[in-house]
Amino acid sequence: MVDPADLQAQLQVLRDSYAVHLPGKLKQIEQAWTELPRGVWDEAGLQTLHRMVHSLTGAGKTFGFAVLSDVARSLEDCLQQLVQAKTVPGEEQRERIQILLRELHQAAQHRNA
């Protein structure tokens, strides 16, 4: 039988590791966003960005970043709409994505107890 204390300790190690790697993941997402060409449809780039954000949505809650997960879900939904519509982000959409990216960085600072 597995000792619950050992399981908790292992989970804490995973949470700590996630927290350490989170700034790098956010930087990769930000870079993927800034590398998307403006005014040109880049389906592959947008899908890659969507996948990166999607990974934050589930993992965030799992590893103690519920607010980050919620913001990531909003960003994921926004990106999904663009992917499905196959349209270049308009200025309003770009601004919304920029706001959500800033909110991701802020949410990364707040870890659940």
PDB file of N, CA and C in Angstrom:
ATOM      1  N   MET A   1       0.838  -1.187   0.000  1.00  0.00           N
ATOM      2  CA  MET A   1       0.000   0.000   0.000  1.00  0.00           C
ATOM      3  C   MET A   1       0.883   1.250   0.000  1.00  0.00           C
ATOM      4  N   VAL A   2       0.448   2.267  -0.720  1.00  0.00           N
ATOM      5  CA  VAL A   2       1.200   3.504  -0.837  1.00  0.00           C
ATOM      6  C   VAL A   2       0.933   4.389   0.372  1.00  0.00           C
ATOM      7  N   ASP A   3       2.003   4.909   0.923  1.00  0.00           N
ATOM      8  CA  ASP A   3       1.900   5.810   2.072  1.00  0.00           C
ATOM      9  C   ASP A   3       1.386   7.167   1.584  1.00  0.00           C
ATOM     10  N   PRO A   4       0.262   7.656   2.115  1.00  0.00           N
ATOM     11  CA  PRO A   4      -0.275   8.951   1.690  1.00  0.00           C
ATOM     12  C   PRO A   4       0.727  10.105   1.850  1.00  0.00           C
ATOM     13  N   ALA A   5       1.552  10.039   2.860  1.00  0.00           N
ATOM     14  CA  ALA A   5       2.548  11.095   3.063  1.00  0.00           C
ATOM     15  C   ALA A   5       3.571  11.094   1.929  1.00  0.00           C
ATOM     16  N   ASP A   6       3.970   9.905   1.476  1.00  0.00           N
ATOM     17  CA  ASP A   6       4.895   9.808   0.347  1.00  0.00           C
ATOM     18  C   ASP A   6       4.256  10.345  -0.926  1.00  0.00           C
ATOM     19  N   LEU A   7       3.008  10.012  -1.113  1.00  0.00           N
ATOM     20  CA  LEU A   7       2.280  10.483  -2.284  1.00  0.00           C
ATOM     21  C   LEU A   7       2.179  12.007  -2.281  1.00  0.00           C
ATOM     22  N   GLN A   8       1.868  12.577  -1.132  1.00  0.00           N
ATOM     23  CA  GLN A   8       1.801  14.029  -0.998  1.00  0.00           C
ATOM     24  C   GLN A   8       3.157  14.670  -1.283  1.00  0.00           C
ATOM     25  N   ALA A   9       4.204  14.065  -0.780  1.00  0.00           N
ATOM     26  CA  ALA A   9       5.556  14.585  -1.004  1.00  0.00           C
ATOM     27  C   ALA A   9       5.910  14.538  -2.483  1.00  0.00           C
ATOM     28  N   GLN A  10       5.553  13.463  -3.158  1.00  0.00           N
ATOM     29  CA  GLN A  10       5.831  13.346  -4.587  1.00  0.00           C
ATOM     30  C   GLN A  10       5.041  14.379  -5.377  1.00  0.00           C
ATOM     31  N   LEU A  11       3.796  14.574  -4.993  1.00  0.00           N
ATOM     32  CA  LEU A  11       2.969  15.581  -5.660  1.00  0.00           C
ATOM     33  C   LEU A  11       3.545  16.978  -5.448  1.00  0.00           C
ATOM     34  N   GLN A  12       4.049  17.248  -4.259  1.00  0.00           N
ATOM     35  CA  GLN A  12       4.649  18.554  -3.983  1.00  0.00           C
ATOM     36  C   GLN A  12       5.890  18.780  -4.846  1.00  0.00           C
ATOM     37  N   VAL A  13       6.678  17.739  -5.041  1.00  0.00           N
ATOM     38  CA  VAL A  13       7.857  17.851  -5.910  1.00  0.00           C
ATOM     39  C   VAL A  13       7.418  18.204  -7.331  1.00  0.00           C
ATOM     40  N   LEU A  14       6.354  17.561  -7.809  1.00  0.00           N
ATOM     41  CA  LEU A  14       5.841  17.862  -9.151  1.00  0.00           C
ATOM     42  C   LEU A  14       5.314  19.292  -9.237  1.00  0.00           C
ATOM     43  N   ARG A  15       4.612  19.727  -8.202  1.00  0.00           N
ATOM     44  CA  ARG A  15       4.098  21.106  -8.179  1.00  0.00           C
ATOM     45  C   ARG A  15       5.247  22.111  -8.204  1.00  0.00           C
ATOM     46  N   ASP A  16       6.274  21.845  -7.405  1.00  0.00           N
ATOM     47  CA  ASP A  16       7.423  22.749  -7.368  1.00  0.00           C
ATOM     48  C   ASP A  16       8.135  22.794  -8.715  1.00  0.00           C
ATOM     49  N   SER A  17       8.269  21.650  -9.347  1.00  0.00           N
ATOM     50  CA  SER A  17       8.910  21.574 -10.661  1.00  0.00           C
ATOM     51  C   SER A  17       8.098  22.357 -11.693  1.00  0.00           C
ATOM     52  N   TYR A  18       6.790  22.211 -11.646  1.00  0.00           N
ATOM     53  CA  TYR A  18       5.916  22.948 -12.565  1.00  0.00           C
ATOM     54  C   TYR A  18       6.101  24.452 -12.365  1.00  0.00           C
ATOM     55  N   ALA A  19       6.136  24.888 -11.112  1.00  0.00           N
ATOM     56  CA  ALA A  19       6.302  26.310 -10.804  1.00  0.00           C
ATOM     57  C   ALA A  19       7.638  26.832 -11.327  1.00  0.00           C
ATOM     58  N   VAL A  20       8.679  26.028 -11.236  1.00  0.00           N
ATOM     59  CA  VAL A  20      10.004  26.437 -11.713  1.00  0.00           C
ATOM     60  C   VAL A  20      10.008  26.590 -13.236  1.00  0.00           C
ATOM     61  N   HIS A  21       9.321  25.689 -13.930  1.00  0.00           N
ATOM     62  CA  HIS A  21       9.334  25.699 -15.390  1.00  0.00           C
ATOM     63  C   HIS A  21       8.279  26.625 -16.006  1.00  0.00           C
ATOM     64  N   LEU A  22       7.349  27.099 -15.196  1.00  0.00           N
ATOM     65  CA  LEU A  22       6.254  27.933 -15.693  1.00  0.00           C
ATOM     66  C   LEU A  22       6.726  29.212 -16.392  1.00  0.00           C
ATOM     67  N   PRO A  23       7.666  29.975 -15.839  1.00  0.00           N
ATOM     68  CA  PRO A  23       8.096  31.188 -16.546  1.00  0.00           C
ATOM     69  C   PRO A  23       8.634  30.891 -17.957  1.00  0.00           C
ATOM     70  N   GLY A  24       9.341  29.799 -18.117  1.00  0.00           N
ATOM     71  CA  GLY A  24       9.844  29.419 -19.438  1.00  0.00           C
ATOM     72  C   GLY A  24       8.721  29.076 -20.400  1.00  0.00           C
ATOM     73  N   LYS A  25       7.694  28.389 -19.893  1.00  0.00           N
ATOM     74  CA  LYS A  25       6.542  28.050 -20.732  1.00  0.00           C
ATOM     75  C   LYS A  25       5.817  29.319 -21.182  1.00  0.00           C
ATOM     76  N   LEU A  26       5.662  30.262 -20.252  1.00  0.00           N
ATOM     77  CA  LEU A  26       4.998  31.518 -20.600  1.00  0.00           C
ATOM     78  C   LEU A  26       5.811  32.302 -21.621  1.00  0.00           C
ATOM     79  N   LYS A  27       7.127  32.270 -21.486  1.00  0.00           N
ATOM     80  CA  LYS A  27       7.992  32.956 -22.441  1.00  0.00           C
ATOM     81  C   LYS A  27       7.862  32.333 -23.836  1.00  0.00           C
ATOM     82  N   GLN A  28       7.768  31.004 -23.894  1.00  0.00           N
ATOM     83  CA  GLN A  28       7.591  30.320 -25.181  1.00  0.00           C
ATOM     84  C   GLN A  28       6.258  30.703 -25.819  1.00  0.00           C
ATOM     85  N   ILE A  29       5.214  30.798 -25.017  1.00  0.00           N
ATOM     86  CA  ILE A  29       3.901  31.192 -25.529  1.00  0.00           C
ATOM     87  C   ILE A  29       3.955  32.619 -26.059  1.00  0.00           C
ATOM     88  N   GLU A  30       4.564  33.501 -25.289  1.00  0.00           N
ATOM     89  CA  GLU A  30       4.698  34.897 -25.705  1.00  0.00           C
ATOM     90  C   GLU A  30       5.493  34.990 -27.016  1.00  0.00           C
ATOM     91  N   GLN A  31       6.562  34.230 -27.113  1.00  0.00           N
ATOM     92  CA  GLN A  31       7.392  34.240 -28.316  1.00  0.00           C
ATOM     93  C   GLN A  31       6.605  33.710 -29.517  1.00  0.00           C
ATOM     94  N   ALA A  32       5.857  32.625 -29.317  1.00  0.00           N
ATOM     95  CA  ALA A  32       5.060  32.072 -30.409  1.00  0.00           C
ATOM     96  C   ALA A  32       4.037  33.099 -30.901  1.00  0.00           C
ATOM     97  N   TRP A  33       3.470  33.864 -29.976  1.00  0.00           N
ATOM     98  CA  TRP A  33       2.498  34.888 -30.340  1.00  0.00           C
ATOM     99  C   TRP A  33       3.173  36.009 -31.129  1.00  0.00           C
ATOM    100  N   THR A  34       4.304  36.492 -30.653  1.00  0.00           N
ATOM    101  CA  THR A  34       4.967  37.614 -31.334  1.00  0.00           C
ATOM    102  C   THR A  34       5.543  37.206 -32.691  1.00  0.00           C
ATOM    103  N   GLU A  35       5.830  35.914 -32.868  1.00  0.00           N
ATOM    104  CA  GLU A  35       6.372  35.450 -34.146  1.00  0.00           C
ATOM    105  C   GLU A  35       5.298  35.219 -35.205  1.00  0.00           C
ATOM    106  N   LEU A  36       4.018  35.204 -34.791  1.00  0.00           N
ATOM    107  CA  LEU A  36       2.955  35.071 -35.789  1.00  0.00           C
ATOM    108  C   LEU A  36       2.944  36.327 -36.662  1.00  0.00           C
ATOM    109  N   PRO A  37       2.938  36.140 -37.980  1.00  0.00           N
ATOM    110  CA  PRO A  37       2.936  37.323 -38.851  1.00  0.00           C
ATOM    111  C   PRO A  37       1.619  38.087 -38.737  1.00  0.00           C
ATOM    112  N   ARG A  38       1.714  39.392 -38.717  1.00  0.00           N
ATOM    113  CA  ARG A  38       0.510  40.235 -38.660  1.00  0.00           C
ATOM    114  C   ARG A  38      -0.089  40.339 -40.043  1.00  0.00           C
ATOM    115  N   GLY A  39      -1.415  40.200 -40.105  1.00  0.00           N
ATOM    116  CA  GLY A  39      -2.120  40.376 -41.366  1.00  0.00           C
ATOM    117  C   GLY A  39      -2.019  39.197 -42.318  1.00  0.00           C
ATOM    118  N   VAL A  40      -1.410  38.100 -41.860  1.00  0.00           N
ATOM    119  CA  VAL A  40      -1.263  36.912 -42.707  1.00  0.00           C
ATOM    120  C   VAL A  40      -1.769  35.707 -41.914  1.00  0.00           C
ATOM    121  N   TRP A  41      -2.538  34.843 -42.566  1.00  0.00           N
ATOM    122  CA  TRP A  41      -3.053  33.654 -41.905  1.00  0.00           C
ATOM    123  C   TRP A  41      -1.932  32.634 -41.768  1.00  0.00           C
ATOM    124  N   ASP A  42      -1.661  32.217 -40.544  1.00  0.00           N
ATOM    125  CA  ASP A  42      -0.635  31.216 -40.254  1.00  0.00           C
ATOM    126  C   ASP A  42      -1.277  30.121 -39.413  1.00  0.00           C
ATOM    127  N   GLU A  43      -1.925  29.192 -40.096  1.00  0.00           N
ATOM    128  CA  GLU A  43      -2.670  28.154 -39.389  1.00  0.00           C
ATOM    129  C   GLU A  43      -1.774  27.304 -38.496  1.00  0.00           C
ATOM    130  N   ALA A  44      -0.618  26.889 -39.003  1.00  0.00           N
ATOM    131  CA  ALA A  44       0.281  26.040 -38.220  1.00  0.00           C
ATOM    132  C   ALA A  44       0.763  26.775 -36.969  1.00  0.00           C
ATOM    133  N   GLY A  45       1.141  28.029 -37.124  1.00  0.00           N
ATOM    134  CA  GLY A  45       1.614  28.809 -35.986  1.00  0.00           C
ATOM    135  C   GLY A  45       0.531  29.016 -34.944  1.00  0.00           C
ATOM    136  N   LEU A  46      -0.669  29.280 -35.419  1.00  0.00           N
ATOM    137  CA  LEU A  46      -1.791  29.499 -34.497  1.00  0.00           C
ATOM    138  C   LEU A  46      -2.171  28.204 -33.778  1.00  0.00           C
ATOM    139  N   GLN A  47      -2.133  27.094 -34.485  1.00  0.00           N
ATOM    140  CA  GLN A  47      -2.435  25.814 -33.849  1.00  0.00           C
ATOM    141  C   GLN A  47      -1.376  25.451 -32.807  1.00  0.00           C
ATOM    142  N   THR A  48      -0.122  25.742 -33.119  1.00  0.00           N
ATOM    143  CA  THR A  48       0.951  25.487 -32.151  1.00  0.00           C
ATOM    144  C   THR A  48       0.733  26.323 -30.895  1.00  0.00           C
ATOM    145  N   LEU A  49       0.436  27.587 -31.076  1.00  0.00           N
ATOM    146  CA  LEU A  49       0.162  28.473 -29.948  1.00  0.00           C
ATOM    147  C   LEU A  49      -1.030  27.957 -29.143  1.00  0.00           C
ATOM    148  N   HIS A  50      -2.071  27.544 -29.826  1.00  0.00           N
ATOM    149  CA  HIS A  50      -3.262  27.016 -29.156  1.00  0.00           C
ATOM    150  C   HIS A  50      -2.906  25.799 -28.306  1.00  0.00           C
ATOM    151  N   ARG A  51      -2.108  24.881 -28.848  1.00  0.00           N
ATOM    152  CA  ARG A  51      -1.701  23.675 -28.097  1.00  0.00           C
ATOM    153  C   ARG A  51      -0.901  24.046 -26.851  1.00  0.00           C
ATOM    154  N   MET A  52      -0.012  25.024 -26.998  1.00  0.00           N
ATOM    155  CA  MET A  52       0.808  25.439 -25.855  1.00  0.00           C
ATOM    156  C   MET A  52      -0.076  25.991 -24.735  1.00  0.00           C
ATOM    157  N   VAL A  53      -1.033  26.817 -25.108  1.00  0.00           N
ATOM    158  CA  VAL A  53      -1.946  27.399 -24.112  1.00  0.00           C
ATOM    159  C   VAL A  53      -2.846  26.313 -23.526  1.00  0.00           C
ATOM    160  N   HIS A  54      -3.294  25.394 -24.360  1.00  0.00           N
ATOM    161  CA  HIS A  54      -4.149  24.292 -23.894  1.00  0.00           C
ATOM    162  C   HIS A  54      -3.443  23.488 -22.798  1.00  0.00           C
ATOM    163  N   SER A  55      -2.146  23.288 -22.935  1.00  0.00           N
ATOM    164  CA  SER A  55      -1.420  22.512 -21.919  1.00  0.00           C
ATOM    165  C   SER A  55      -1.419  23.218 -20.564  1.00  0.00           C
ATOM    166  N   LEU A  56      -1.487  24.541 -20.563  1.00  0.00           N
ATOM    167  CA  LEU A  56      -1.565  25.285 -19.299  1.00  0.00           C
ATOM    168  C   LEU A  56      -2.934  25.136 -18.639  1.00  0.00           C
ATOM    169  N   THR A  57      -3.956  24.987 -19.462  1.00  0.00           N
ATOM    170  CA  THR A  57      -5.327  24.955 -18.948  1.00  0.00           C
ATOM    171  C   THR A  57      -5.524  23.817 -17.959  1.00  0.00           C
ATOM    172  N   GLY A  58      -5.145  22.618 -18.332  1.00  0.00           N
ATOM    173  CA  GLY A  58      -5.325  21.471 -17.444  1.00  0.00           C
ATOM    174  C   GLY A  58      -4.259  21.388 -16.371  1.00  0.00           C
ATOM    175  N   ALA A  59      -3.025  21.573 -16.773  1.00  0.00           N
ATOM    176  CA  ALA A  59      -1.913  21.420 -15.830  1.00  0.00           C
ATOM    177  C   ALA A  59      -1.937  22.495 -14.744  1.00  0.00           C
ATOM    178  N   GLY A  60      -2.397  23.678 -15.069  1.00  0.00           N
ATOM    179  CA  GLY A  60      -2.421  24.754 -14.085  1.00  0.00           C
ATOM    180  C   GLY A  60      -3.178  24.371 -12.823  1.00  0.00           C
ATOM    181  N   LYS A  61      -4.392  23.863 -12.996  1.00  0.00           N
ATOM    182  CA  LYS A  61      -5.191  23.456 -11.826  1.00  0.00           C
ATOM    183  C   LYS A  61      -4.540  22.294 -11.107  1.00  0.00           C
ATOM    184  N   THR A  62      -4.039  21.338 -11.869  1.00  0.00           N
ATOM    185  CA  THR A  62      -3.417  20.150 -11.279  1.00  0.00           C
ATOM    186  C   THR A  62      -2.260  20.518 -10.360  1.00  0.00           C
ATOM    187  N   PHE A  63      -1.481  21.522 -10.764  1.00  0.00           N
ATOM    188  CA  PHE A  63      -0.277  21.862 -10.031  1.00  0.00           C
ATOM    189  C   PHE A  63      -0.410  23.114  -9.154  1.00  0.00           C
ATOM    190  N   GLY A  64      -1.645  23.516  -8.873  1.00  0.00           N
ATOM    191  CA  GLY A  64      -1.865  24.562  -7.887  1.00  0.00           C
ATOM    192  C   GLY A  64      -1.973  25.977  -8.425  1.00  0.00           C
ATOM    193  N   PHE A  65      -2.264  26.117  -9.710  1.00  0.00           N
ATOM    194  CA  PHE A  65      -2.393  27.442 -10.311  1.00  0.00           C
ATOM    195  C   PHE A  65      -3.777  27.574 -10.948  1.00  0.00           C
ATOM    196  N   ALA A  66      -4.801  27.588 -10.121  1.00  0.00           N
ATOM    197  CA  ALA A  66      -6.181  27.608 -10.610  1.00  0.00           C
ATOM    198  C   ALA A  66      -6.483  28.869 -11.415  1.00  0.00           C
ATOM    199  N   VAL A  67      -6.012  30.024 -10.959  1.00  0.00           N
ATOM    200  CA  VAL A  67      -6.275  31.277 -11.671  1.00  0.00           C
ATOM    201  C   VAL A  67      -5.592  31.244 -13.039  1.00  0.00           C
ATOM    202  N   LEU A  68      -4.371  30.759 -13.074  1.00  0.00           N
ATOM    203  CA  LEU A  68      -3.650  30.621 -14.338  1.00  0.00           C
ATOM    204  C   LEU A  68      -4.445  29.731 -15.291  1.00  0.00           C
ATOM    205  N   SER A  69      -4.962  28.652 -14.791  1.00  0.00           N
ATOM    206  CA  SER A  69      -5.744  27.730 -15.601  1.00  0.00           C
ATOM    207  C   SER A  69      -6.983  28.418 -16.177  1.00  0.00           C
ATOM    208  N   ASP A  70      -7.645  29.225 -15.374  1.00  0.00           N
ATOM    209  CA  ASP A  70      -8.841  29.941 -15.832  1.00  0.00           C
ATOM    210  C   ASP A  70      -8.499  30.953 -16.930  1.00  0.00           C
ATOM    211  N   VAL A  71      -7.412  31.683 -16.744  1.00  0.00           N
ATOM    212  CA  VAL A  71      -6.993  32.658 -17.760  1.00  0.00           C
ATOM    213  C   VAL A  71      -6.575  31.920 -19.033  1.00  0.00           C
ATOM    214  N   ALA A  72      -5.849  30.829 -18.865  1.00  0.00           N
ATOM    215  CA  ALA A  72      -5.421  30.039 -20.023  1.00  0.00           C
ATOM    216  C   ALA A  72      -6.628  29.531 -20.797  1.00  0.00           C
ATOM    217  N   ARG A  73      -7.688  29.136 -20.095  1.00  0.00           N
ATOM    218  CA  ARG A  73      -8.896  28.660 -20.779  1.00  0.00           C
ATOM    219  C   ARG A  73      -9.511  29.786 -21.612  1.00  0.00           C
ATOM    220  N   SER A  74      -9.539  30.991 -21.079  1.00  0.00           N
ATOM    221  CA  SER A  74     -10.069  32.130 -21.845  1.00  0.00           C
ATOM    222  C   SER A  74      -9.231  32.376 -23.098  1.00  0.00           C
ATOM    223  N   LEU A  75      -7.917  32.321 -22.939  1.00  0.00           N
ATOM    224  CA  LEU A  75      -7.021  32.526 -24.079  1.00  0.00           C
ATOM    225  C   LEU A  75      -7.177  31.382 -25.078  1.00  0.00           C
ATOM    226  N   GLU A  76      -7.281  30.173 -24.559  1.00  0.00           N
ATOM    227  CA  GLU A  76      -7.470  29.001 -25.429  1.00  0.00           C
ATOM    228  C   GLU A  76      -8.748  29.152 -26.257  1.00  0.00           C
ATOM    229  N   ASP A  77      -9.823  29.584 -25.629  1.00  0.00           N
ATOM    230  CA  ASP A  77     -11.094  29.779 -26.338  1.00  0.00           C
ATOM    231  C   ASP A  77     -10.955  30.824 -27.438  1.00  0.00           C
ATOM    232  N   CYS A  78     -10.270  31.902 -27.132  1.00  0.00           N
ATOM    233  CA  CYS A  78     -10.052  32.979 -28.101  1.00  0.00           C
ATOM    234  C   CYS A  78      -9.255  32.459 -29.309  1.00  0.00           C
ATOM    235  N   LEU A  79      -8.200  31.717 -29.037  1.00  0.00           N
ATOM    236  CA  LEU A  79      -7.375  31.164 -30.110  1.00  0.00           C
ATOM    237  C   LEU A  79      -8.138  30.113 -30.909  1.00  0.00           C
ATOM    238  N   GLN A  80      -8.952  29.316 -30.223  1.00  0.00           N
ATOM    239  CA  GLN A  80      -9.748  28.290 -30.899  1.00  0.00           C
ATOM    240  C   GLN A  80     -10.712  28.926 -31.893  1.00  0.00           C
ATOM    241  N   GLN A  81     -11.298  30.042 -31.526  1.00  0.00           N
ATOM    242  CA  GLN A  81     -12.208  30.745 -32.433  1.00  0.00           C
ATOM    243  C   GLN A  81     -11.482  31.170 -33.705  1.00  0.00           C
ATOM    244  N   LEU A  82     -10.253  31.639 -33.549  1.00  0.00           N
ATOM    245  CA  LEU A  82      -9.469  32.045 -34.719  1.00  0.00           C
ATOM    246  C   LEU A  82      -9.125  30.844 -35.597  1.00  0.00           C
ATOM    247  N   VAL A  83      -8.727  29.745 -34.949  1.00  0.00           N
ATOM    248  CA  VAL A  83      -8.369  28.532 -35.695  1.00  0.00           C
ATOM    249  C   VAL A  83      -9.579  28.031 -36.472  1.00  0.00           C
ATOM    250  N   GLN A  84     -10.725  27.983 -35.832  1.00  0.00           N
ATOM    251  CA  GLN A  84     -11.926  27.473 -36.489  1.00  0.00           C
ATOM    252  C   GLN A  84     -12.402  28.393 -37.607  1.00  0.00           C
ATOM    253  N   ALA A  85     -12.316  29.697 -37.386  1.00  0.00           N
ATOM    254  CA  ALA A  85     -12.782  30.660 -38.385  1.00  0.00           C
ATOM    255  C   ALA A  85     -11.768  30.838 -39.521  1.00  0.00           C
ATOM    256  N   LYS A  86     -10.526  30.402 -39.269  1.00  0.00           N
ATOM    257  CA  LYS A  86      -9.440  30.561 -40.247  1.00  0.00           C
ATOM    258  C   LYS A  86      -9.308  32.021 -40.698  1.00  0.00           C
ATOM    259  N   THR A  87      -9.320  32.897 -39.698  1.00  0.00           N
ATOM    260  CA  THR A  87      -9.189  34.319 -39.990  1.00  0.00           C
ATOM    261  C   THR A  87      -7.998  34.915 -39.263  1.00  0.00           C
ATOM    262  N   VAL A  88      -7.438  35.913 -39.871  1.00  0.00           N
ATOM    263  CA  VAL A  88      -6.352  36.668 -39.254  1.00  0.00           C
ATOM    264  C   VAL A  88      -6.943  37.440 -38.080  1.00  0.00           C
ATOM    265  N   PRO A  89      -6.258  37.452 -36.936  1.00  0.00           N
ATOM    266  CA  PRO A  89      -6.791  38.216 -35.802  1.00  0.00           C
ATOM    267  C   PRO A  89      -6.906  39.697 -36.150  1.00  0.00           C
ATOM    268  N   GLY A  90      -8.078  40.264 -35.879  1.00  0.00           N
ATOM    269  CA  GLY A  90      -8.262  41.695 -36.056  1.00  0.00           C
ATOM    270  C   GLY A  90      -7.624  42.444 -34.893  1.00  0.00           C
ATOM    271  N   GLU A  91      -7.630  43.748 -34.967  1.00  0.00           N
ATOM    272  CA  GLU A  91      -6.993  44.556 -33.925  1.00  0.00           C
ATOM    273  C   GLU A  91      -7.615  44.307 -32.557  1.00  0.00           C
ATOM    274  N   GLU A  92      -8.940  44.209 -32.510  1.00  0.00           N
ATOM    275  CA  GLU A  92      -9.627  43.959 -31.238  1.00  0.00           C
ATOM    276  C   GLU A  92      -9.233  42.593 -30.667  1.00  0.00           C
ATOM    277  N   GLN A  93      -9.149  41.577 -31.522  1.00  0.00           N
ATOM    278  CA  GLN A  93      -8.740  40.249 -31.069  1.00  0.00           C
ATOM    279  C   GLN A  93      -7.286  40.249 -30.598  1.00  0.00           C
ATOM    280  N   ARG A  94      -6.432  40.951 -31.314  1.00  0.00           N
ATOM    281  CA  ARG A  94      -5.023  41.029 -30.921  1.00  0.00           C
ATOM    282  C   ARG A  94      -4.891  41.683 -29.544  1.00  0.00           C
ATOM    283  N   GLU A  95      -5.647  42.747 -29.323  1.00  0.00           N
ATOM    284  CA  GLU A  95      -5.616  43.428 -28.025  1.00  0.00           C
ATOM    285  C   GLU A  95      -6.102  42.491 -26.919  1.00  0.00           C
ATOM    286  N   ARG A  96      -7.166  41.744 -27.198  1.00  0.00           N
ATOM    287  CA  ARG A  96      -7.701  40.797 -26.211  1.00  0.00           C
ATOM    288  C   ARG A  96      -6.662  39.723 -25.878  1.00  0.00           C
ATOM    289  N   ILE A  97      -5.984  39.220 -26.884  1.00  0.00           N
ATOM    290  CA  ILE A  97      -4.951  38.213 -26.670  1.00  0.00           C
ATOM    291  C   ILE A  97      -3.802  38.802 -25.863  1.00  0.00           C
ATOM    292  N   GLN A  98      -3.398  40.030 -26.172  1.00  0.00           N
ATOM    293  CA  GLN A  98      -2.322  40.689 -25.409  1.00  0.00           C
ATOM    294  C   GLN A  98      -2.706  40.838 -23.938  1.00  0.00           C
ATOM    295  N   ILE A  99      -3.944  41.220 -23.690  1.00  0.00           N
ATOM    296  CA  ILE A  99      -4.423  41.365 -22.310  1.00  0.00           C
ATOM    297  C   ILE A  99      -4.372  40.018 -21.601  1.00  0.00           C
ATOM    298  N   LEU A 100      -4.836  38.974 -22.269  1.00  0.00           N
ATOM    299  CA  LEU A 100      -4.837  37.643 -21.656  1.00  0.00           C
ATOM    300  C   LEU A 100      -3.415  37.140 -21.410  1.00  0.00           C
ATOM    301  N   LEU A 101      -2.488  37.459 -22.294  1.00  0.00           N
ATOM    302  CA  LEU A 101      -1.096  37.071 -22.074  1.00  0.00           C
ATOM    303  C   LEU A 101      -0.529  37.762 -20.831  1.00  0.00           C
ATOM    304  N   ARG A 102      -0.851  39.044 -20.659  1.00  0.00           N
ATOM    305  CA  ARG A 102      -0.415  39.756 -19.440  1.00  0.00           C
ATOM    306  C   ARG A 102      -1.050  39.131 -18.197  1.00  0.00           C
ATOM    307  N   GLU A 103      -2.333  38.780 -18.309  1.00  0.00           N
ATOM    308  CA  GLU A 103      -3.016  38.154 -17.178  1.00  0.00           C
ATOM    309  C   GLU A 103      -2.401  36.794 -16.845  1.00  0.00           C
ATOM    310  N   LEU A 104      -1.939  36.060 -17.852  1.00  0.00           N
ATOM    311  CA  LEU A 104      -1.262  34.785 -17.595  1.00  0.00           C
ATOM    312  C   LEU A 104      -0.026  35.004 -16.737  1.00  0.00           C
ATOM    313  N   HIS A 105       0.759  36.010 -17.090  1.00  0.00           N
ATOM    314  CA  HIS A 105       1.975  36.307 -16.311  1.00  0.00           C
ATOM    315  C   HIS A 105       1.617  36.675 -14.872  1.00  0.00           C
ATOM    316  N   GLN A 106       0.567  37.469 -14.702  1.00  0.00           N
ATOM    317  CA  GLN A 106       0.149  37.850 -13.353  1.00  0.00           C
ATOM    318  C   GLN A 106      -0.362  36.637 -12.579  1.00  0.00           C
ATOM    319  N   ALA A 107      -1.135  35.781 -13.248  1.00  0.00           N
ATOM    320  CA  ALA A 107      -1.692  34.600 -12.582  1.00  0.00           C
ATOM    321  C   ALA A 107      -0.604  33.609 -12.199  1.00  0.00           C
ATOM    322  N   ALA A 108       0.482  33.594 -12.929  1.00  0.00           N
ATOM    323  CA  ALA A 108       1.583  32.680 -12.619  1.00  0.00           C
ATOM    324  C   ALA A 108       2.230  33.013 -11.285  1.00  0.00           C
ATOM    325  N   GLN A 109       2.015  34.224 -10.804  1.00  0.00           N
ATOM    326  CA  GLN A 109       2.590  34.640  -9.522  1.00  0.00           C
ATOM    327  C   GLN A 109       1.748  34.164  -8.342  1.00  0.00           C
ATOM    328  N   HIS A 110       0.549  33.669  -8.613  1.00  0.00           N
ATOM    329  CA  HIS A 110      -0.379  33.313  -7.539  1.00  0.00           C
ATOM    330  C   HIS A 110      -0.661  31.817  -7.549  1.00  0.00           C
ATOM    331  N   ARG A 111      -0.006  31.155  -6.647  1.00  0.00           N
ATOM    332  CA  ARG A 111      -0.157  29.711  -6.511  1.00  0.00           C
ATOM    333  C   ARG A 111      -1.133  29.407  -5.387  1.00  0.00           C
ATOM    334  N   ASN A 112      -1.997  28.431  -5.609  1.00  0.00           N
ATOM    335  CA  ASN A 112      -2.938  28.010  -4.565  1.00  0.00           C
ATOM    336  C   ASN A 112      -2.163  27.384  -3.413  1.00  0.00           C
ATOM    337  N   ALA A 113      -2.762  27.430  -2.267  1.00  0.00           N
ATOM    338  CA  ALA A 113      -2.146  26.786  -1.096  1.00  0.00           C
ATOM    339  C   ALA A 113      -2.256  25.284  -1.197  1.00  0.00           C
TER     340      ALA A 113
END
